Amino acid sequence: MLHLHLGEAFHLHPLVFVVMPYLAALAFVEGYAFVLRGELGTFLALRSARVIGFGLCVALFVVWIARFFGALGGPVPTS
């Protein structure tokens, strides 16, 4: 994704375009609050951030299970 190979990033994990903005927002808000006030935990103090984070964890688990059973390009063949 950092090399802008967006199709390959989506192929590797279909939730990349949902999870990465969440993680970027988390890193930005936490870094900003730490630099200004020396506080950590600002982002996750927001109820909406915790609910979205929990939803993303559930979605990641569902994708993992789906790939385990052969959906979404999984499982990866062993050599």
C-alpha atoms as a PDB file:
ATOM      1  CA  MET A   1       0.000   0.000   0.000  1.00  0.00           C
ATOM      2  CA  LEU A   2       2.882   2.358   0.747  1.00  0.00           C
ATOM      3  CA  HIS A   3       4.101   1.827  -2.816  1.00  0.00           C
ATOM      4  CA  LEU A   4       0.585   2.717  -4.073  1.00  0.00           C
ATOM      5  CA  HIS A   5      -0.112  -0.805  -5.314  1.00  0.00           C
ATOM      6  CA  LEU A   6      -3.694  -0.464  -4.152  1.00  0.00           C
ATOM      7  CA  GLY A   7      -5.063  -3.436  -6.057  1.00  0.00           C
ATOM      8  CA  GLU A   8      -2.465  -5.729  -4.533  1.00  0.00           C
ATOM      9  CA  ALA A   9      -3.099  -4.284  -1.078  1.00  0.00           C
ATOM     10  CA  PHE A  10      -6.818  -5.000  -1.448  1.00  0.00           C
ATOM     11  CA  HIS A  11      -6.063  -8.500  -2.722  1.00  0.00           C
ATOM     12  CA  LEU A  12      -3.862  -9.216   0.291  1.00  0.00           C
ATOM     13  CA  HIS A  13      -6.510  -7.955   2.709  1.00  0.00           C
ATOM     14  CA  PRO A  14      -9.939  -6.584   1.722  1.00  0.00           C
ATOM     15  CA  LEU A  15     -10.204  -4.432   4.873  1.00  0.00           C
ATOM     16  CA  VAL A  16      -6.982  -2.512   4.281  1.00  0.00           C
ATOM     17  CA  PHE A  17      -8.849   0.632   3.194  1.00  0.00           C
ATOM     18  CA  VAL A  18     -10.936   0.601   6.369  1.00  0.00           C
ATOM     19  CA  VAL A  19      -8.324  -0.411   8.927  1.00  0.00           C
ATOM     20  CA  MET A  20      -5.494   1.846   7.745  1.00  0.00           C
ATOM     21  CA  PRO A  21      -7.426   5.151   8.058  1.00  0.00           C
ATOM     22  CA  TYR A  22      -8.541   4.112  11.547  1.00  0.00           C
ATOM     23  CA  LEU A  23      -4.965   3.335  12.578  1.00  0.00           C
ATOM     24  CA  ALA A  24      -3.704   6.559  10.988  1.00  0.00           C
ATOM     25  CA  ALA A  25      -6.318   8.579  12.908  1.00  0.00           C
ATOM     26  CA  LEU A  26      -5.393   6.780  16.123  1.00  0.00           C
ATOM     27  CA  ALA A  27      -1.688   7.508  15.616  1.00  0.00           C
ATOM     28  CA  PHE A  28      -2.321  11.155  14.707  1.00  0.00           C
ATOM     29  CA  VAL A  29      -4.662  11.923  17.611  1.00  0.00           C
ATOM     30  CA  GLU A  30      -2.506  10.112  20.151  1.00  0.00           C
ATOM     31  CA  GLY A  31       0.668  11.792  18.878  1.00  0.00           C
ATOM     32  CA  TYR A  32      -0.964  15.214  18.834  1.00  0.00           C
ATOM     33  CA  ALA A  33      -2.324  14.836  22.378  1.00  0.00           C
ATOM     34  CA  PHE A  34       1.000  13.521  23.636  1.00  0.00           C
ATOM     35  CA  VAL A  35       2.982  16.397  22.144  1.00  0.00           C
ATOM     36  CA  LEU A  36       0.572  19.071  23.396  1.00  0.00           C
ATOM     37  CA  ARG A  37      -0.459  17.691  26.792  1.00  0.00           C
ATOM     38  CA  GLY A  38       1.731  14.667  27.464  1.00  0.00           C
ATOM     39  CA  GLU A  39      -1.359  12.428  27.606  1.00  0.00           C
ATOM     40  CA  LEU A  40      -1.915   8.994  26.143  1.00  0.00           C
ATOM     41  CA  GLY A  41      -5.278   7.316  25.611  1.00  0.00           C
ATOM     42  CA  THR A  42      -7.067  10.338  24.170  1.00  0.00           C
ATOM     43  CA  PHE A  43      -8.336   8.559  21.059  1.00  0.00           C
ATOM     44  CA  LEU A  44      -9.635   5.500  22.841  1.00  0.00           C
ATOM     45  CA  ALA A  45     -11.300   7.684  25.472  1.00  0.00           C
ATOM     46  CA  LEU A  46     -13.864   8.447  22.760  1.00  0.00           C
ATOM     47  CA  ARG A  47     -16.724   5.962  22.860  1.00  0.00           C
ATOM     48  CA  SER A  48     -17.123   6.089  19.079  1.00  0.00           C
ATOM     49  CA  ALA A  49     -13.438   5.201  18.570  1.00  0.00           C
ATOM     50  CA  ARG A  50     -13.807   2.185  20.871  1.00  0.00           C
ATOM     51  CA  VAL A  51     -16.990   1.013  19.120  1.00  0.00           C
ATOM     52  CA  ILE A  52     -15.414   1.376  15.681  1.00  0.00           C
ATOM     53  CA  GLY A  53     -12.246  -0.352  16.885  1.00  0.00           C
ATOM     54  CA  PHE A  54     -14.245  -3.262  18.283  1.00  0.00           C
ATOM     55  CA  GLY A  55     -16.191  -3.510  15.017  1.00  0.00           C
ATOM     56  CA  LEU A  56     -12.950  -3.580  13.051  1.00  0.00           C
ATOM     57  CA  CYS A  57     -11.596  -6.351  15.271  1.00  0.00           C
ATOM     58  CA  VAL A  58     -14.743  -8.395  14.634  1.00  0.00           C
ATOM     59  CA  ALA A  59     -14.499  -7.724  10.882  1.00  0.00           C
ATOM     60  CA  LEU A  60     -10.829  -8.764  10.845  1.00  0.00           C
ATOM     61  CA  PHE A  61     -11.713 -11.976  12.654  1.00  0.00           C
ATOM     62  CA  VAL A  62     -14.547 -12.699  10.186  1.00  0.00           C
ATOM     63  CA  VAL A  63     -12.205 -12.173   7.220  1.00  0.00           C
ATOM     64  CA  TRP A  64      -9.613 -14.436   8.843  1.00  0.00           C
ATOM     65  CA  ILE A  65     -12.199 -17.205   9.342  1.00  0.00           C
ATOM     66  CA  ALA A  66     -13.517 -16.743   5.787  1.00  0.00           C
ATOM     67  CA  ARG A  67     -10.003 -17.094   4.388  1.00  0.00           C
ATOM     68  CA  PHE A  68      -9.420 -20.159   6.528  1.00  0.00           C
ATOM     69  CA  PHE A  69     -12.354 -21.804   4.740  1.00  0.00           C
ATOM     70  CA  GLY A  70     -11.205 -20.744   1.258  1.00  0.00           C
ATOM     71  CA  ALA A  71     -13.039 -17.453   0.679  1.00  0.00           C
ATOM     72  CA  LEU A  72     -11.373 -14.187  -0.328  1.00  0.00           C
ATOM     73  CA  GLY A  73      -8.320 -15.846  -1.830  1.00  0.00           C
ATOM     74  CA  GLY A  74      -7.442 -18.121   1.058  1.00  0.00           C
ATOM     75  CA  PRO A  75      -6.007 -20.334   2.294  1.00  0.00           C
ATOM     76  CA  VAL A  76      -2.479 -19.785   1.084  1.00  0.00           C
ATOM     77  CA  PRO A  77      -1.082 -23.000  -0.408  1.00  0.00           C
ATOM     78  CA  THR A  78       1.886 -24.502   1.401  1.00  0.00           C
ATOM     79  CA  SER A  79       4.934 -25.697  -0.469  1.00  0.00           C
END
